[in-house]
Protein backbone atom coordinates (compact mmCIF):
# COMPACT_ATOMS: atom_id res chain seq x y z
CA MET A 1 1.52 13.14 -30.42
CA LYS A 2 4.83 14.87 -29.67
CA ALA A 3 3.55 15.96 -26.26
CA SER A 4 2.47 12.40 -25.38
CA LYS A 5 5.84 11.00 -26.46
CA LEU A 6 7.61 13.63 -24.41
CA LEU A 7 5.49 12.79 -21.37
CA LEU A 8 6.09 9.09 -21.85
CA GLY A 9 9.83 9.64 -22.14
CA LEU A 10 9.81 11.79 -19.01
CA CYS A 11 7.88 9.14 -17.05
CA ALA A 12 10.25 6.42 -18.29
CA GLY A 13 13.25 8.48 -17.24
CA VAL A 14 11.84 9.24 -13.79
CA THR A 15 10.83 5.61 -13.20
CA ALA A 16 14.07 4.05 -14.48
CA GLY A 17 16.36 6.59 -12.86
CA TYR A 18 14.68 6.46 -9.46
CA THR A 19 14.50 2.67 -9.49
CA LEU A 20 18.18 2.34 -10.43
CA MET A 21 19.25 4.80 -7.74
CA ARG A 22 17.28 3.00 -5.03
CA THR A 23 18.44 -0.43 -6.25
CA VAL A 24 22.08 0.59 -5.81
CA GLN A 25 21.28 1.97 -2.36
CA ALA A 26 19.34 -1.18 -1.41
CA LEU A 27 22.22 -3.46 -2.38
CA ARG A 28 24.64 -1.33 -0.38
CA GLU A 29 22.26 -1.26 2.57
CA TYR A 30 21.74 -5.01 2.46
CA ARG A 31 25.47 -5.74 2.43
CA ARG A 32 26.39 -3.18 5.08
CA PRO A 33 23.43 -1.74 7.00
CA SER A 34 23.70 1.94 7.88
CA PRO A 35 24.24 2.74 11.57
CA ALA A 36 21.42 3.88 13.80
CA VAL A 37 20.78 7.60 14.08
CA GLU A 38 19.50 9.84 16.85
CA ARG A 39 15.74 9.72 17.43
CA ASP A 40 15.19 13.18 15.97
CA ALA A 41 11.49 13.72 15.32
CA ARG A 42 12.05 16.75 13.11
CA ALA A 43 14.62 15.02 10.89
CA TYR A 44 12.43 11.94 10.64
CA ALA A 45 9.35 14.00 9.74
CA GLU A 46 11.20 15.97 7.07
CA TYR A 47 12.48 12.74 5.56
CA ARG A 48 8.99 11.19 5.51
CA ARG A 49 7.51 14.31 3.93
CA ALA A 50 10.08 14.22 1.14
CA LEU A 51 9.31 10.54 0.53
CA ASP A 52 5.57 11.20 0.38
CA VAL A 53 6.01 13.85 -2.29
CA ALA A 54 8.51 11.76 -4.27
CA GLY A 55 6.31 8.69 -3.96
CA THR A 56 3.29 10.49 -5.38
CA VAL A 57 5.21 11.77 -8.41
CA ARG A 58 6.98 8.48 -8.98
CA GLY A 59 3.76 6.49 -8.59
CA LEU A 60 1.95 8.51 -11.24
CA ALA A 61 4.96 8.34 -13.58
CA SER A 62 5.27 4.59 -13.15
CA ALA A 63 1.55 4.02 -13.72
CA TYR A 64 1.64 6.12 -16.89
CA LEU A 65 4.69 4.21 -18.16
CA PHE A 66 3.13 0.79 -17.62
CA ALA A 67 -0.19 1.80 -19.17
CA TYR A 68 1.11 3.76 -22.16
CA GLY A 69 4.63 2.39 -22.67
CA ALA A 70 6.17 -0.83 -23.92
CA PRO A 71 5.26 -2.99 -20.87
CA GLY A 72 1.57 -2.30 -21.30
CA ARG A 73 1.58 -2.69 -25.09
CA PHE A 74 3.50 -5.98 -24.91
CA THR A 75 1.21 -7.43 -22.25
CA ASP A 76 -1.87 -6.27 -24.17
CA ARG A 77 -0.70 -8.13 -27.29
CA ALA A 78 0.23 -11.20 -25.25
CA THR A 79 -3.34 -11.52 -23.95
CA ALA A 80 -4.95 -11.32 -27.41
CA PHE A 81 -5.52 -15.10 -27.48
CA ALA A 82 -7.80 -15.05 -24.42
CA PRO A 83 -11.56 -14.44 -24.40
CA PRO A 84 -12.58 -10.84 -23.66
CA TRP A 85 -13.78 -11.60 -20.13
CA LEU A 86 -10.37 -13.04 -19.16
CA ARG A 87 -8.09 -10.49 -20.79
CA PRO A 88 -8.27 -7.78 -18.08
CA ALA A 89 -7.12 -10.24 -15.39
CA LEU A 90 -4.33 -11.65 -17.59
CA PHE A 91 -3.21 -8.09 -18.33
CA SER A 92 -3.33 -6.86 -14.75
CA LEU A 93 -1.58 -9.75 -12.99
CA PRO A 94 1.85 -9.46 -14.67
CA ILE A 95 1.75 -5.65 -14.79
CA VAL A 96 1.03 -5.23 -11.07
CA THR A 97 3.46 -7.99 -10.12
CA MET A 98 6.24 -6.52 -12.25
CA SER A 99 5.62 -3.04 -10.87
CA SER A 100 5.68 -4.31 -7.26
CA LEU A 101 8.90 -6.26 -7.77
CA LEU A 102 10.56 -3.22 -9.30
CA ASP A 103 9.41 -1.26 -6.26
CA LEU A 104 11.01 -3.78 -3.90
CA PRO A 105 14.39 -2.00 -3.55
CA ILE A 106 12.59 1.33 -3.26
CA SER A 107 10.43 0.06 -0.41
CA PHE A 108 13.46 -1.49 1.27
CA VAL A 109 15.33 1.83 1.27
CA GLU A 110 12.36 4.06 2.02
CA SER A 111 10.29 1.92 4.41
CA TYR A 112 12.40 -0.73 6.07
CA THR A 113 15.73 1.07 6.41
CA PRO A 114 14.63 4.39 8.00
CA GLU A 115 12.37 2.63 10.51
CA ARG A 116 15.32 0.52 11.63
CA ARG A 117 17.78 3.42 11.73
CA TYR A 118 15.48 5.65 13.79
CA GLY A 119 14.81 2.85 16.28
CA LEU A 120 11.18 2.42 15.27
CA SER A 121 11.42 -1.23 14.24
CA ASP A 122 13.56 -4.28 14.89
CA GLN A 123 11.86 -6.45 12.27
CA SER A 124 14.21 -8.76 10.37
CA ILE A 125 14.78 -8.40 6.64
CA ALA A 126 13.35 -11.88 6.08
CA ALA A 127 10.13 -11.05 7.95
CA TRP A 128 9.78 -7.73 6.13
CA LEU A 129 10.38 -9.39 2.75
CA GLU A 130 7.81 -12.09 3.48
CA GLU A 131 5.17 -9.47 4.24
CA TYR A 132 6.12 -7.45 1.15
CA LEU A 133 5.72 -10.45 -1.15
CA LYS A 134 2.47 -11.38 0.53
CA GLY A 135 1.19 -7.85 -0.04
CA THR A 136 2.32 -8.00 -3.68
CA ALA A 137 0.31 -11.18 -4.25
CA LEU A 138 -2.79 -9.66 -2.64
CA SER A 139 -2.41 -6.44 -4.63
CA ALA A 140 -2.05 -8.33 -7.91
CA ALA A 141 -5.10 -10.48 -7.18
CA PHE A 142 -7.22 -7.50 -6.13
CA SER A 143 -6.19 -5.48 -9.19
CA ALA A 144 -7.05 -8.39 -11.48
CA VAL A 145 -10.51 -8.72 -9.95
CA LEU A 146 -11.12 -4.97 -10.06
CA LEU A 147 -10.07 -4.58 -13.71
CA SER A 148 -12.13 -7.65 -14.65
CA LEU A 149 -15.25 -6.19 -13.01
CA PHE A 150 -14.60 -2.91 -14.78
CA GLY A 151 -14.28 -4.80 -18.08
CA ILE A 152 -17.62 -6.52 -17.47
CA ALA A 153 -19.32 -3.15 -16.97
CA VAL A 154 -17.79 -1.77 -20.17
CA ARG A 155 -18.74 -4.82 -22.27
CA HIS A 156 -22.30 -5.22 -21.05
CA ALA A 157 -23.24 -1.54 -20.73
CA PRO A 158 -21.38 0.18 -23.61
CA ARG A 159 -23.31 3.44 -23.20
CA THR A 160 -23.94 3.61 -19.46
CA TRP A 161 -20.89 1.82 -18.04
CA PRO A 162 -19.73 4.79 -15.89
CA LEU A 163 -23.11 4.67 -14.11
CA VAL A 164 -22.90 0.88 -13.74
CA ALA A 165 -19.31 1.09 -12.45
CA ALA A 166 -20.27 3.83 -9.98
CA ALA A 167 -23.20 1.75 -8.72
CA GLY A 168 -20.95 -1.28 -8.38
CA THR A 169 -18.39 0.65 -6.35
CA LEU A 170 -20.65 0.83 -3.31
CA PRO A 171 -21.06 -2.93 -2.73
CA LEU A 172 -17.37 -3.39 -3.53
CA LEU A 173 -16.41 -0.92 -0.79
CA VAL A 174 -18.71 -2.70 1.66
CA VAL A 175 -17.29 -6.11 0.76
CA MET A 176 -13.73 -4.85 1.22
CA ASN A 177 -14.63 -3.57 4.68
CA LEU A 178 -15.92 -7.05 5.47
CA VAL A 179 -13.04 -8.98 3.94
CA VAL A 180 -10.12 -6.90 5.24
CA PRO A 181 -10.66 -7.33 9.01
CA LEU A 182 -11.72 -10.97 8.78
CA TRP A 183 -9.24 -12.40 6.30
CA ILE A 184 -6.61 -9.90 5.09
CA LEU A 185 -5.30 -8.36 8.31
CA PRO A 186 -4.95 -11.75 10.08
CA MET A 187 -2.52 -12.75 7.31
CA PHE A 188 -0.06 -10.20 8.70
CA ASN A 189 -0.82 -10.05 12.43
CA LYS A 190 -2.39 -12.04 15.23
CA PHE A 191 -5.58 -10.64 16.76
CA VAL A 192 -6.73 -11.90 20.15
CA PRO A 193 -9.53 -10.67 22.41
CA LEU A 194 -8.36 -8.26 25.07
CA ASP A 195 -8.90 -9.62 28.57
CA GLY A 196 -8.29 -8.72 32.17
CA PRO A 197 -9.09 -5.53 34.10
CA LEU A 198 -8.36 -3.32 31.09
CA GLU A 199 -10.90 -5.20 28.97
CA ASP A 200 -13.52 -4.87 31.72
CA ARG A 201 -12.89 -1.15 31.91
CA LEU A 202 -13.10 -0.65 28.16
CA ARG A 203 -16.17 -2.90 27.85
CA LYS A 204 -18.01 -0.76 30.40
CA LEU A 205 -17.06 2.32 28.42
CA ALA A 206 -18.37 0.79 25.20
CA GLY A 207 -21.53 -0.44 26.94
CA ARG A 208 -22.49 3.12 27.87
CA TYR A 209 -22.89 3.87 24.17
CA GLY A 210 -24.67 0.71 23.09
CA ALA A 211 -21.48 -0.88 21.78
CA ALA A 212 -20.95 -3.56 24.41
CA THR A 213 -20.82 -6.25 21.71
CA ALA A 214 -18.06 -4.58 19.70
CA GLU A 215 -14.94 -6.70 19.50
CA ILE A 216 -11.98 -5.18 21.36
CA LEU A 217 -8.82 -6.90 20.17
CA ARG A 218 -5.11 -6.87 20.92
CA MET A 219 -2.84 -6.91 17.86
CA ASP A 220 0.82 -7.94 17.88
CA MET A 221 1.92 -4.73 16.20
CA SER A 222 5.36 -5.06 17.76
CA ARG A 223 6.31 -7.67 15.16
CA GLN A 224 6.54 -4.84 12.62
CA THR A 225 7.07 -1.63 14.57
CA ARG A 226 7.58 0.00 17.95
CA LYS A 227 5.07 2.69 17.05
CA ALA A 228 1.81 2.72 18.99
CA ASN A 229 -1.56 2.76 17.29
CA ALA A 230 -5.22 1.82 17.56
CA PHE A 231 -7.94 1.80 14.93
CA VAL A 232 -11.49 0.74 14.16
CA THR A 233 -12.22 -1.44 11.15
CA GLY A 234 -15.06 -3.38 9.56
CA VAL A 235 -18.80 -2.79 9.17
CA GLY A 236 -21.84 -4.21 10.90
CA GLY A 237 -21.10 -7.32 12.91
CA THR A 238 -17.45 -7.30 11.84
CA HIS A 239 -16.68 -3.99 13.53
CA ARG A 240 -13.51 -4.27 15.57
CA ILE A 241 -11.70 -1.85 17.87
CA VAL A 242 -8.06 -2.86 17.61
CA LEU A 243 -5.27 -1.87 20.02
CA GLY A 244 -1.63 -2.46 19.23
CA ASP A 245 0.36 -4.23 21.92
CA THR A 246 2.83 -1.36 21.62
CA LEU A 247 0.09 0.97 22.86
CA ILE A 248 -1.19 -1.29 25.63
CA ASP A 249 2.28 -1.94 27.01
CA ALA A 250 3.52 1.68 26.93
CA PHE A 251 0.45 3.75 27.90
CA THR A 252 -1.27 4.10 31.26
CA PRO A 253 -4.79 2.63 31.63
CA ASP A 254 -6.26 6.16 31.64
CA GLU A 255 -4.44 7.01 28.43
CA VAL A 256 -5.50 3.74 26.81
CA GLU A 257 -9.10 4.44 27.78
CA PHE A 258 -9.00 7.83 26.09
CA VAL A 259 -7.50 6.32 22.92
CA VAL A 260 -10.17 3.60 22.87
CA ALA A 261 -12.86 6.23 23.50
CA HIS A 262 -11.56 8.05 20.43
CA GLU A 263 -11.86 4.86 18.37
CA LEU A 264 -15.24 4.17 19.93
CA GLY A 265 -16.30 7.57 18.63
CA HIS A 266 -15.61 6.38 15.09
CA TYR A 267 -17.64 3.24 15.82
CA VAL A 268 -20.64 4.90 17.47
CA THR A 269 -20.95 7.69 14.88
CA LYS A 270 -20.58 5.16 12.02
CA ASP A 271 -17.56 6.84 10.49
CA THR A 272 -16.85 3.73 8.42
CA TRP A 273 -20.16 4.18 6.64
CA ARG A 274 -19.54 7.90 6.25
CA LEU A 275 -16.19 7.15 4.61
CA ILE A 276 -17.79 4.56 2.32
CA ALA A 277 -20.41 7.08 1.22
CA PHE A 278 -17.82 9.80 0.66
CA SER A 279 -15.59 7.42 -1.31
CA GLU A 280 -18.56 6.35 -3.42
CA LEU A 281 -19.28 9.98 -4.30
CA MET A 282 -15.67 10.61 -5.26
CA ALA A 283 -15.54 7.42 -7.36
CA ALA A 284 -18.63 8.49 -9.27
CA ILE A 285 -17.16 11.94 -9.95
CA LEU A 286 -13.89 10.43 -11.17
CA LEU A 287 -15.60 7.85 -13.39
CA PHE A 288 -17.72 10.39 -15.22
CA TRP A 289 -14.88 12.90 -15.48
CA ALA A 290 -12.46 10.31 -16.84
CA GLN A 291 -15.04 9.17 -19.39
CA ARG A 292 -15.31 12.72 -20.70
CA ALA A 293 -11.50 12.97 -20.85
CA THR A 294 -11.11 9.69 -22.78
CA PRO A 295 -11.09 10.00 -26.61
CA VAL A 296 -14.24 8.61 -28.25
CA ARG A 297 -12.24 6.14 -30.34
CA GLU A 298 -10.65 4.64 -27.22
CA ARG A 299 -14.01 4.35 -25.47
CA ALA A 300 -15.32 2.22 -28.33
CA ARG A 301 -12.36 -0.19 -28.10
CA MET A 302 -12.21 -0.53 -24.31
CA ARG A 303 -14.38 -3.66 -24.47
CA LYS A 304 -11.61 -5.61 -26.24
CA ARG A 305 -8.39 -3.90 -25.15
CA PRO A 306 -7.45 -4.23 -21.45
CA ILE A 307 -4.68 -1.69 -21.92
CA LEU A 308 -7.36 0.92 -22.60
CA LEU A 309 -9.08 -0.02 -19.35
CA ALA A 310 -5.75 0.44 -17.58
CA ARG A 311 -5.26 3.84 -19.20
CA PHE A 312 -8.70 4.86 -18.01
CA VAL A 313 -7.73 3.86 -14.45
CA VAL A 314 -4.53 5.91 -14.74
CA THR A 315 -6.58 8.91 -15.82
CA MET A 316 -8.77 8.45 -12.75
CA SER A 317 -5.72 8.12 -10.51
CA ALA A 318 -4.24 11.35 -11.83
CA ALA A 319 -7.54 13.18 -11.37
CA SER A 320 -7.94 11.77 -7.86
CA GLN A 321 -4.94 13.84 -6.76
CA LEU A 322 -7.11 16.91 -7.21
CA LEU A 323 -9.85 15.45 -5.00
CA ARG A 324 -7.53 14.01 -2.38
CA PRO A 325 -7.50 17.23 -0.26
CA LEU A 326 -11.29 16.93 0.06
CA LEU A 327 -11.09 13.34 1.28
CA LEU A 328 -8.31 14.22 3.72
CA ALA A 329 -10.23 17.25 5.01
CA PHE A 330 -13.22 14.97 5.62
CA SER A 331 -10.97 12.51 7.46
CA ARG A 332 -9.50 15.26 9.65
CA SER A 333 -12.99 16.50 10.52
CA ARG A 334 -13.93 13.02 11.73
CA GLU A 335 -10.77 12.84 13.84
CA TRP A 336 -11.72 16.11 15.54
CA ALA A 337 -15.21 14.68 16.15
CA ALA A 338 -13.71 11.49 17.63
CA ASP A 339 -11.53 13.58 19.97
CA ASP A 340 -14.64 15.47 21.12
CA PHE A 341 -16.44 12.17 21.68
CA ALA A 342 -13.54 10.80 23.73
CA LEU A 343 -13.42 13.94 25.86
CA GLU A 344 -17.15 13.71 26.54
CA ALA A 345 -16.97 9.95 27.22
CA THR A 346 -14.04 10.06 29.64
CA GLY A 347 -14.18 13.60 31.00
CA ASP A 348 -10.41 13.30 31.25
CA ALA A 349 -8.73 15.94 29.12
CA ALA A 350 -5.44 15.53 30.97
CA SER A 351 -5.15 11.84 30.05
CA GLY A 352 -6.13 12.67 26.47
CA ALA A 353 -3.37 15.26 26.15
CA ALA A 354 -0.91 12.89 27.82
CA ALA A 355 -1.89 10.06 25.45
CA LEU A 356 -1.37 12.19 22.35
CA SER A 357 1.93 13.50 23.71
CA ARG A 358 3.13 9.97 24.38
CA LEU A 359 1.94 8.93 20.92
CA ARG A 360 3.95 11.79 19.41
CA ASP A 361 7.11 10.83 21.28
CA GLN A 362 6.87 7.08 20.73
CA ASN A 363 6.06 7.38 17.01
CA LEU A 364 8.41 10.30 16.28
CA ALA A 365 5.30 11.94 14.89
CA ASP A 366 5.41 15.36 13.27
CA ASP A 367 3.18 17.33 15.64
CA ALA A 368 3.21 20.53 13.55
CA PRO A 369 3.50 19.71 9.83
CA PRO A 370 3.48 22.53 7.27
CA HIS A 371 0.00 23.58 6.14
CA TRP A 372 0.63 22.40 2.57
CA TYR A 373 1.55 18.93 3.82
CA GLU A 374 -1.49 18.69 6.05
CA LEU A 375 -3.67 19.77 3.13
CA LEU A 376 -2.22 17.26 0.66
CA PHE A 377 -1.21 14.32 2.88
CA GLY A 378 -2.66 14.70 6.37
CA SER A 379 -5.45 12.29 7.29
CA HIS A 380 -5.26 13.47 10.92
CA PRO A 381 -5.11 17.02 12.32
CA ALA A 382 -1.75 18.23 13.62
CA LEU A 383 -1.01 16.65 16.99
CA LYS A 384 0.05 20.02 18.34
CA ASP A 385 -3.42 21.42 17.70
CA ARG A 386 -5.17 18.37 19.14
CA ILE A 387 -3.04 18.49 22.30
CA ALA A 388 -3.58 22.22 22.68
CA LYS A 389 -7.36 21.77 22.44
CA LEU A 390 -7.32 19.12 25.18
CA GLU A 391 -5.05 21.20 27.40
CA ALA A 392 -7.41 24.15 27.00
CA ALA A 393 -10.33 21.90 27.98
CA GLU A 394 -8.39 20.79 31.05
CA ARG A 395 -7.80 24.38 32.12
């Protein structure tokens, strides 16, 4: 009991202190924006690494505070009037909304401000705030649905609910991969079919690998950032290869073709399905582990107390930090495979190396992060290594 109170006090102190510090900085930044700084990739990378570490610690502390502290207990009591099937949603909505609003000044200082100062974005505060609030609403709604589904599994399968929840994770992952590209992403950006000579060139490339029907879209990424990017999203008939306008406008056609060939590699080798399967496996491991770690008395009351469902999710989140290096290693392996696919598809190692070099310079990307950071946070291999491999292939 003393240890849990000490941990709760520590989490409350970290959450309150960090939020207060960033709130003061956000108010100062809003009134008098800091001047622009030199586009120093090393300084920018070191700053982002520090934020990633701090964000992980703060996120876990905040989640523990809301699930075990006064906010969670108060909200749990306030939902006592509702039927059991409705209580998880009524619990989750205010908790997630409150947490996101408290994070607003933190996100302003850590996301909006540095991107503006390093010349990586010219988005207005109003536009950024609109997107933040829109994301908060979506996050609250998704969390409410997720906790409600979890509550249904616990109520209707009191002995086998981890198995039921694990089985239900797979269709949920598939549905999210259908919903996100069709309805969620268009809420933040405009997607239009790519046309012209570049589209013809890329369509021929895709056609060589039986992917002539894949959608190739242009996204107005410049409304948020000057960074260049491309990605593949969706499953089945909703698969889309998306190119940011910042990439199309700044890269040569040969470089764009290599980048699209990389994304086509993810599409052709069904990396989305691989990631779904890997995520399903990890979810099952976490569900069964967290069940074993939850006291028997709490397991019996989870059907009626949404706060206990939330505490179970926090336990899973904490444990997921131990499995995250495995997921990231899997992701990096697929990026290497996509690079190999692009090299085979284009036969143009020089354009591949040039594209990654341009990507590094335009995004102020850290091309040689420390090994610990790549292990714990890197979804992509170090750019330096990827460029070196392509340059060796060219030679």
